[in-house]
Amino acid sequence: MGVVALGAVVSILGVAFSSSWVAFAGLGVAIVGAAGFALHLIVTERRRHEVVEEELSAQSSFLEALIESMGSIAAAHDPAAVLERARREAKELFGAKATLLPPGEPGAFGAVVLPLRIRGEEIGALQLMRAKTLDREELARATLLADFTCRVVENARLLAEAQVREAERARLSDQLIIAEQEERRRLALFLHDGAVQSLSGVSLMLDAVIDSLEGGRLEEATSVLANALQRHRDTIRALRDLSFNIEPVVLRDQGFGPAVRAFAEQVGLEHRIQVDLDVDAADGLAENARVAIYQIIRDAVNQAIRRGPPSRISITVAEGGEGTVEAIVADNGAGERRRASFDDIEERARTLNGQLEVEAGEDGGTAVRVVLPSYVAHG
């Protein structure tokens, strides 16, 4: 710019002193200076554009590498594998020594420590160390990588939990089908060996009554008819009990507590047994859980009566730890040592992913404990 100004001044002086050659010389110097300055601007601007282009290319390459690293991290499905891949990718991306720190462990002096958290839970930290300190952009990208790693770890956990739940659902579905088949077999066997046989006997007895009447043996016919009537009534009672055991009307219409109290009163009066109840906790249970616990209580009480019978039975339904529900039937009768006798109760418990425990009672009898998990008990 100084050369241009000098040329312009010389050219003006040449005009002022009427010296054409001085004016042309000054003009030439000014033109040459302007051309040189323009060339300098062009070269400088081109160099600046080249520097910017190199920076953009470097950033683009880094972002592509970052995306590839994220893809590699996302490909892992195990939380531990996700963290290890994140460590390796961070090492390659930033040219630093990358270390995974356990939760709560402080980082080394001068290192960049990126905490890894999932919904407030600290699962560890990613430590980066290198001779050159990470600049602001690199720190932002490292933080982005750490956040992405946390999301992938969370997804891996959710996937693993979903797989476990699906496997458990399939197992429970199979158990439910098996239990339904067993119930149908037991029902068919009961009807065949009970009601059907009894009604067949009633039919034969009625044939005998007809034969006696035709033969004029009125007293014999009356006796056989009375026996047939009693057997018919017994069959009706057995079928009524079967209907009640399958699904008590009071359980459906009035709830769990009244159904268990009605059953306890029936057992107490029929067998002269004191039955203690504490089942208020069952009122908030899901319908399937109430039905299952009622059937378990019924089976456990009937087994206690067959073994003893006892003089006292206690029935308790209570909340356990972590939302579980415990149903306990304890008696003071003869102790039961045969585990196979509880197979039916255990099968009912397994259909709802429950656990059965059979222990010796405090007073020499047997305590049957069934624990249902929270998601089954409360739906």
Protein backbone atom coordinates (compact mmCIF):
# COMPACT_ATOMS: atom_id res chain seq x y z
CA MET A 1 0.00 0.00 0.00
CA GLY A 2 2.93 2.39 0.71
CA VAL A 3 4.30 1.84 -2.83
CA VAL A 4 0.93 2.70 -4.32
CA ALA A 5 0.71 5.89 -2.27
CA LEU A 6 4.27 6.91 -3.21
CA GLY A 7 3.57 6.35 -6.92
CA ALA A 8 0.43 8.44 -6.67
CA VAL A 9 2.30 11.31 -5.01
CA VAL A 10 5.09 11.25 -7.67
CA SER A 11 2.48 11.23 -10.42
CA ILE A 12 0.72 14.26 -8.90
CA LEU A 13 4.02 16.14 -8.55
CA GLY A 14 4.86 15.39 -12.18
CA VAL A 15 1.58 16.89 -13.29
CA ALA A 16 2.10 19.87 -11.03
CA PHE A 17 5.52 20.63 -12.50
CA SER A 18 4.41 19.84 -16.06
CA SER A 19 6.82 16.89 -16.24
CA SER A 20 5.10 14.14 -18.15
CA TRP A 21 7.77 11.55 -17.65
CA VAL A 22 7.67 12.02 -13.85
CA ALA A 23 3.87 11.73 -13.90
CA PHE A 24 3.97 8.54 -15.99
CA ALA A 25 6.72 7.10 -13.80
CA GLY A 26 4.68 7.75 -10.65
CA LEU A 27 1.58 6.25 -12.28
CA GLY A 28 3.56 3.15 -13.28
CA VAL A 29 4.88 2.75 -9.76
CA ALA A 30 1.34 3.07 -8.39
CA ILE A 31 -0.02 0.47 -10.86
CA VAL A 32 2.79 -1.96 -10.08
CA GLY A 33 2.24 -1.48 -6.34
CA ALA A 34 -1.50 -2.03 -6.70
CA ALA A 35 -0.95 -5.21 -8.72
CA GLY A 36 1.49 -6.51 -6.15
CA PHE A 37 -0.92 -5.75 -3.33
CA ALA A 38 -3.76 -7.47 -5.19
CA LEU A 39 -1.56 -10.51 -5.77
CA HIS A 40 -0.69 -10.54 -2.08
CA LEU A 41 -4.36 -10.44 -1.14
CA ILE A 42 -5.14 -13.29 -3.52
CA VAL A 43 -2.34 -15.47 -2.19
CA THR A 44 -3.21 -14.69 1.45
CA GLU A 45 -6.92 -15.39 0.95
CA ARG A 46 -6.18 -18.62 -0.86
CA ARG A 47 -3.92 -19.74 1.96
CA ARG A 48 -6.61 -18.88 4.50
CA HIS A 49 -9.16 -20.90 2.56
CA GLU A 50 -6.74 -23.82 2.41
CA VAL A 51 -6.24 -23.68 6.19
CA VAL A 52 -10.02 -23.56 6.79
CA GLU A 53 -10.54 -26.41 4.34
CA GLU A 54 -7.92 -28.50 6.12
CA GLU A 55 -9.58 -27.80 9.48
CA LEU A 56 -13.02 -28.71 8.13
CA SER A 57 -11.62 -31.86 6.56
CA ALA A 58 -9.98 -32.82 9.85
CA GLN A 59 -13.20 -32.17 11.74
CA SER A 60 -15.18 -34.15 9.19
CA SER A 61 -12.76 -37.07 9.46
CA PHE A 62 -12.94 -36.95 13.24
CA LEU A 63 -16.73 -36.87 13.22
CA GLU A 64 -16.81 -39.82 10.83
CA ALA A 65 -14.47 -41.68 13.16
CA LEU A 66 -16.68 -40.70 16.11
CA ILE A 67 -19.77 -42.04 14.34
CA GLU A 68 -17.96 -45.28 13.49
CA SER A 69 -16.91 -45.57 17.13
CA MET A 70 -20.51 -45.08 18.26
CA GLY A 71 -21.61 -47.77 15.82
CA SER A 72 -18.99 -50.16 17.19
CA ILE A 73 -20.08 -49.42 20.76
CA ALA A 74 -23.76 -49.87 19.91
CA ALA A 75 -23.03 -53.28 18.35
CA ALA A 76 -22.23 -54.76 21.77
CA HIS A 77 -25.15 -56.20 23.74
CA ASP A 78 -23.48 -56.92 27.07
CA PRO A 79 -22.97 -53.93 29.43
CA ALA A 80 -19.37 -54.94 30.23
CA ALA A 81 -18.58 -55.35 26.51
CA VAL A 82 -20.09 -51.92 25.80
CA LEU A 83 -17.82 -50.25 28.35
CA GLU A 84 -14.73 -52.03 27.05
CA ARG A 85 -15.46 -51.03 23.46
CA ALA A 86 -16.02 -47.44 24.58
CA ARG A 87 -12.60 -47.47 26.26
CA ARG A 88 -10.87 -48.79 23.14
CA GLU A 89 -12.63 -46.33 20.85
CA ALA A 90 -11.78 -43.38 23.12
CA LYS A 91 -8.15 -44.45 23.09
CA GLU A 92 -8.08 -44.46 19.27
CA LEU A 93 -10.09 -41.25 18.83
CA PHE A 94 -8.13 -39.03 21.20
CA GLY A 95 -4.74 -40.73 21.12
CA ALA A 96 -4.82 -41.01 24.89
CA LYS A 97 -4.44 -43.68 27.51
CA ALA A 98 -8.05 -44.69 28.31
CA THR A 99 -8.99 -46.41 31.56
CA LEU A 100 -12.32 -47.52 33.03
CA LEU A 101 -12.67 -46.55 36.67
CA PRO A 102 -15.09 -48.30 39.05
CA PRO A 103 -17.81 -46.17 40.70
CA GLY A 104 -16.49 -43.79 43.32
CA GLU A 105 -12.80 -44.14 42.44
CA PRO A 106 -11.02 -40.77 41.91
CA GLY A 107 -9.10 -40.15 38.71
CA ALA A 108 -5.35 -39.62 38.34
CA PHE A 109 -3.83 -36.14 38.63
CA GLY A 110 -4.06 -34.21 35.35
CA ALA A 111 -6.39 -36.75 33.73
CA VAL A 112 -9.77 -36.02 32.20
CA VAL A 113 -12.41 -38.07 34.04
CA LEU A 114 -15.79 -38.47 32.36
CA PRO A 115 -18.44 -39.87 34.74
CA LEU A 116 -20.73 -42.59 33.41
CA ARG A 117 -24.24 -42.36 34.89
CA ILE A 118 -27.58 -44.00 34.09
CA ARG A 119 -30.59 -42.23 35.57
CA GLY A 120 -28.56 -40.99 38.51
CA GLU A 121 -26.77 -44.32 39.07
CA GLU A 122 -22.99 -44.08 38.67
CA ILE A 123 -21.70 -47.12 36.82
CA GLY A 124 -18.10 -45.94 36.58
CA ALA A 125 -15.98 -43.34 34.80
CA LEU A 126 -13.83 -43.05 31.67
CA GLN A 127 -10.35 -41.61 32.33
CA LEU A 128 -8.29 -40.10 29.50
CA MET A 129 -4.61 -39.18 29.87
CA ARG A 130 -2.20 -37.79 27.27
CA ALA A 131 0.72 -35.36 27.07
CA LYS A 132 -1.32 -32.65 25.31
CA THR A 133 -4.35 -31.45 27.22
CA LEU A 134 -7.70 -31.98 25.50
CA ASP A 135 -9.02 -28.73 24.07
CA ARG A 136 -12.61 -27.57 24.49
CA GLU A 137 -13.88 -29.25 21.33
CA GLU A 138 -12.20 -32.55 22.14
CA LEU A 139 -13.61 -32.43 25.67
CA ALA A 140 -17.11 -31.85 24.27
CA ARG A 141 -16.70 -34.81 21.90
CA ALA A 142 -15.37 -37.03 24.68
CA THR A 143 -18.36 -36.07 26.83
CA LEU A 144 -20.66 -36.93 23.92
CA LEU A 145 -18.99 -40.33 23.60
CA ALA A 146 -19.39 -40.97 27.33
CA ASP A 147 -23.07 -39.99 27.27
CA PHE A 148 -23.68 -42.23 24.26
CA THR A 149 -21.95 -45.10 26.06
CA CYS A 150 -24.29 -44.69 29.02
CA ARG A 151 -27.32 -44.88 26.72
CA VAL A 152 -26.00 -48.04 25.09
CA VAL A 153 -25.32 -49.64 28.49
CA GLU A 154 -28.86 -48.81 29.58
CA ASN A 155 -30.28 -50.30 26.38
CA ALA A 156 -28.16 -53.43 26.88
CA ARG A 157 -29.53 -53.80 30.40
CA LEU A 158 -33.12 -53.33 29.23
CA LEU A 159 -32.59 -55.87 26.46
CA ALA A 160 -31.18 -58.41 28.91
CA GLU A 161 -34.10 -57.83 31.29
CA ALA A 162 -36.58 -58.19 28.42
CA GLN A 163 -34.98 -61.47 27.38
CA VAL A 164 -35.17 -62.77 30.94
CA ARG A 165 -38.82 -61.71 31.23
CA GLU A 166 -39.65 -63.31 27.89
CA ALA A 167 -37.98 -66.57 28.91
CA GLU A 168 -39.81 -66.46 32.24
CA ARG A 169 -43.10 -65.73 30.48
CA ALA A 170 -42.57 -68.70 28.17
CA ARG A 171 -41.72 -70.94 31.14
CA LEU A 172 -44.79 -69.79 33.08
CA SER A 173 -46.96 -70.25 30.00
CA ASP A 174 -45.74 -73.85 29.68
CA GLN A 175 -46.35 -74.44 33.38
CA LEU A 176 -49.83 -72.99 33.08
CA ILE A 177 -50.67 -75.31 30.19
CA ILE A 178 -49.34 -78.30 32.13
CA ALA A 179 -51.29 -77.27 35.23
CA GLU A 180 -54.49 -76.90 33.20
CA GLN A 181 -53.98 -80.36 31.73
CA GLU A 182 -53.41 -81.80 35.20
CA GLU A 183 -56.54 -80.09 36.49
CA ARG A 184 -58.55 -81.54 33.62
CA ARG A 185 -57.14 -85.01 34.31
CA ARG A 186 -57.95 -84.74 38.01
CA LEU A 187 -61.44 -83.50 37.23
CA ALA A 188 -62.08 -86.30 34.71
CA LEU A 189 -60.76 -88.90 37.16
CA PHE A 190 -62.93 -87.53 39.97
CA LEU A 191 -66.05 -87.56 37.82
CA HIS A 192 -65.36 -91.05 36.47
CA ASP A 193 -64.52 -92.66 39.81
CA GLY A 194 -67.02 -90.61 41.81
CA ALA A 195 -70.17 -89.19 40.31
CA VAL A 196 -70.34 -91.44 37.24
CA GLN A 197 -69.82 -94.63 39.27
CA SER A 198 -72.30 -93.48 41.88
CA LEU A 199 -74.98 -92.64 39.31
CA SER A 200 -74.37 -95.97 37.61
CA GLY A 201 -75.00 -97.67 40.96
CA VAL A 202 -78.17 -95.61 41.41
CA SER A 203 -79.33 -96.74 37.97
CA LEU A 204 -78.79 -100.42 38.86
CA MET A 205 -80.60 -99.93 42.16
CA LEU A 206 -83.58 -98.37 40.37
CA ASP A 207 -83.66 -101.38 38.02
CA ALA A 208 -83.76 -103.57 41.12
CA VAL A 209 -86.64 -101.49 42.51
CA ILE A 210 -88.62 -102.00 39.31
CA ASP A 211 -87.93 -105.71 39.43
CA SER A 212 -89.04 -105.91 43.07
CA LEU A 213 -92.25 -103.98 42.34
CA GLU A 214 -93.07 -106.22 39.41
CA GLY A 215 -92.50 -109.24 41.67
CA GLY A 216 -94.75 -107.82 44.38
CA ARG A 217 -91.88 -107.42 46.89
CA LEU A 218 -92.89 -103.99 48.13
CA GLU A 219 -90.77 -103.99 51.30
CA GLU A 220 -87.64 -104.93 49.37
CA ALA A 221 -88.37 -102.27 46.74
CA THR A 222 -88.84 -99.63 49.45
CA SER A 223 -85.50 -100.49 51.08
CA VAL A 224 -83.57 -100.43 47.80
CA LEU A 225 -85.25 -97.17 46.76
CA ALA A 226 -84.27 -95.55 50.07
CA ASN A 227 -80.64 -96.56 49.53
CA ALA A 228 -80.75 -95.29 45.95
CA LEU A 229 -82.15 -91.96 47.16
CA GLN A 230 -79.38 -91.60 49.76
CA ARG A 231 -76.69 -92.38 47.18
CA HIS A 232 -78.26 -89.89 44.79
CA ARG A 233 -78.17 -87.20 47.46
CA ASP A 234 -74.53 -88.03 48.25
CA THR A 235 -73.67 -87.66 44.58
CA ILE A 236 -75.38 -84.28 44.41
CA ARG A 237 -73.44 -83.17 47.51
CA ALA A 238 -70.15 -84.35 45.98
CA LEU A 239 -70.85 -82.50 42.74
CA ARG A 240 -71.80 -79.38 44.70
CA ASP A 241 -68.53 -79.58 46.64
CA LEU A 242 -66.64 -80.02 43.38
CA SER A 243 -68.28 -76.92 41.92
CA PHE A 244 -67.45 -74.96 45.07
CA ASN A 245 -63.83 -76.11 45.02
CA ILE A 246 -63.37 -75.23 41.35
CA GLU A 247 -64.60 -71.67 41.92
CA PRO A 248 -66.46 -70.83 45.11
CA VAL A 249 -69.38 -68.50 44.46
CA VAL A 250 -68.56 -66.55 47.62
CA LEU A 251 -64.98 -66.01 46.38
CA ARG A 252 -66.27 -64.53 43.16
CA ASP A 253 -69.13 -62.51 44.63
CA GLN A 254 -67.91 -61.42 48.08
CA GLY A 255 -64.10 -61.68 47.98
CA PHE A 256 -61.23 -63.67 49.43
CA GLY A 257 -61.85 -63.08 53.15
CA PRO A 258 -65.49 -64.27 53.22
CA ALA A 259 -64.60 -67.31 51.06
CA VAL A 260 -61.80 -68.42 53.40
CA ARG A 261 -63.99 -67.80 56.48
CA ALA A 262 -66.79 -69.89 54.97
CA PHE A 263 -64.34 -72.69 54.23
CA ALA A 264 -62.85 -72.46 57.73
CA GLU A 265 -66.31 -72.62 59.35
CA GLN A 266 -67.20 -75.66 57.27
CA VAL A 267 -63.96 -77.46 58.19
CA GLY A 268 -64.24 -76.48 61.85
CA LEU A 269 -67.82 -77.72 62.23
CA GLU A 270 -67.35 -80.89 60.23
CA HIS A 271 -64.09 -82.03 61.87
CA ARG A 272 -64.27 -80.15 65.19
CA ILE A 273 -61.08 -78.20 64.51
CA GLN A 274 -60.23 -74.70 65.71
CA VAL A 275 -59.25 -72.62 62.68
CA ASP A 276 -57.48 -69.29 63.28
CA LEU A 277 -57.56 -66.77 60.41
CA ASP A 278 -55.44 -63.72 59.58
CA VAL A 279 -56.10 -63.05 55.88
CA ASP A 280 -56.88 -59.33 55.68
CA ALA A 281 -53.72 -58.71 53.62
CA ALA A 282 -55.21 -60.74 50.76
CA ASP A 283 -57.90 -58.13 50.00
CA GLY A 284 -55.51 -56.12 47.81
CA LEU A 285 -54.25 -59.07 45.75
CA ALA A 286 -54.83 -59.57 42.05
CA GLU A 287 -57.69 -61.90 41.10
CA ASN A 288 -55.45 -64.72 39.85
CA ALA A 289 -53.39 -64.55 43.03
CA ARG A 290 -56.51 -64.69 45.25
CA VAL A 291 -57.86 -67.75 43.42
CA ALA A 292 -54.47 -69.53 43.55
CA ILE A 293 -53.92 -68.80 47.26
CA TYR A 294 -57.46 -69.95 48.09
CA GLN A 295 -56.87 -73.26 46.30
CA ILE A 296 -53.50 -73.68 48.03
CA ILE A 297 -55.08 -73.05 51.44
CA ARG A 298 -57.87 -75.51 50.69
CA ASP A 299 -55.43 -78.24 49.59
CA ALA A 300 -53.09 -77.68 52.56
CA VAL A 301 -55.98 -77.83 55.06
CA ASN A 302 -57.39 -81.01 53.49
CA GLN A 303 -53.95 -82.64 53.66
CA ALA A 304 -53.61 -81.68 57.32
CA ILE A 305 -56.98 -83.27 58.06
CA ARG A 306 -56.05 -86.48 56.26
CA ARG A 307 -52.76 -86.74 58.20
CA GLY A 308 -54.20 -86.15 61.67
CA PRO A 309 -56.61 -84.77 61.96
CA PRO A 310 -55.21 -81.84 63.97
CA SER A 311 -57.08 -79.99 66.68
CA ARG A 312 -55.94 -76.58 65.50
CA ILE A 313 -55.06 -74.98 62.15
CA SER A 314 -53.88 -71.43 61.52
CA ILE A 315 -54.24 -69.72 58.12
CA THR A 316 -52.24 -66.54 57.52
CA VAL A 317 -51.80 -64.32 54.46
CA ALA A 318 -49.29 -61.52 54.99
CA GLU A 319 -47.12 -59.07 53.07
CA GLY A 320 -43.47 -60.10 52.84
CA GLY A 321 -40.33 -58.25 51.80
CA GLU A 322 -40.14 -56.39 48.46
CA GLY A 323 -43.89 -56.64 47.91
CA THR A 324 -44.09 -60.44 48.09
CA VAL A 325 -47.09 -62.18 49.65
CA GLU A 326 -46.84 -65.20 51.96
CA ALA A 327 -49.62 -67.71 52.57
CA ILE A 328 -48.98 -69.97 55.60
CA VAL A 329 -51.07 -72.93 56.70
CA ALA A 330 -49.82 -74.45 59.98
CA ASP A 331 -51.37 -77.31 61.97
CA ASN A 332 -50.60 -79.22 65.17
CA GLY A 333 -51.39 -82.67 63.80
CA ALA A 334 -49.03 -85.43 62.75
CA GLY A 335 -45.96 -84.18 60.92
CA GLU A 336 -45.69 -84.93 57.21
CA ARG A 337 -42.32 -86.20 56.01
CA ARG A 338 -43.25 -87.17 52.47
CA ARG A 339 -42.38 -84.33 50.13
CA ALA A 340 -44.35 -85.94 47.29
CA SER A 341 -47.60 -85.31 49.16
CA PHE A 342 -47.18 -81.58 48.46
CA ASP A 343 -46.59 -81.93 44.70
CA ASP A 344 -50.05 -80.58 43.81
CA ILE A 345 -49.57 -77.49 45.98
CA GLU A 346 -46.08 -76.93 44.59
CA GLU A 347 -47.42 -77.19 41.04
CA ARG A 348 -50.07 -74.56 41.78
CA ALA A 349 -47.39 -72.27 43.22
CA ARG A 350 -45.09 -72.77 40.23
CA THR A 351 -47.79 -71.68 37.78
CA LEU A 352 -47.55 -68.23 39.39
CA ASN A 353 -43.76 -68.34 39.81
CA GLY A 354 -44.19 -68.90 43.55
CA GLN A 355 -42.05 -70.93 45.96
CA LEU A 356 -43.16 -73.65 48.35
CA GLU A 357 -41.56 -74.34 51.74
CA VAL A 358 -42.65 -77.18 54.04
CA GLU A 359 -41.35 -76.99 57.61
CA ALA A 360 -41.98 -78.68 60.93
CA GLY A 361 -44.49 -76.70 62.94
CA GLU A 362 -43.73 -75.15 66.31
CA ASP A 363 -46.14 -77.53 68.03
CA GLY A 364 -45.06 -80.70 66.21
CA GLY A 365 -47.27 -80.33 63.17
CA THR A 366 -46.54 -79.04 59.67
CA ALA A 367 -46.25 -75.50 58.31
CA VAL A 368 -46.82 -75.01 54.59
CA ARG A 369 -45.54 -71.67 53.29
CA VAL A 370 -46.09 -70.36 49.75
CA VAL A 371 -44.46 -67.10 48.64
CA LEU A 372 -45.70 -65.25 45.55
CA PRO A 373 -43.59 -62.50 43.92
CA SER A 374 -44.84 -58.93 43.92
CA TYR A 375 -45.65 -58.71 40.19
CA VAL A 376 -47.90 -61.79 40.51
CA ALA A 377 -49.51 -60.89 43.82
CA HIS A 378 -50.41 -57.35 42.82
CA GLY A 379 -50.79 -57.82 39.09
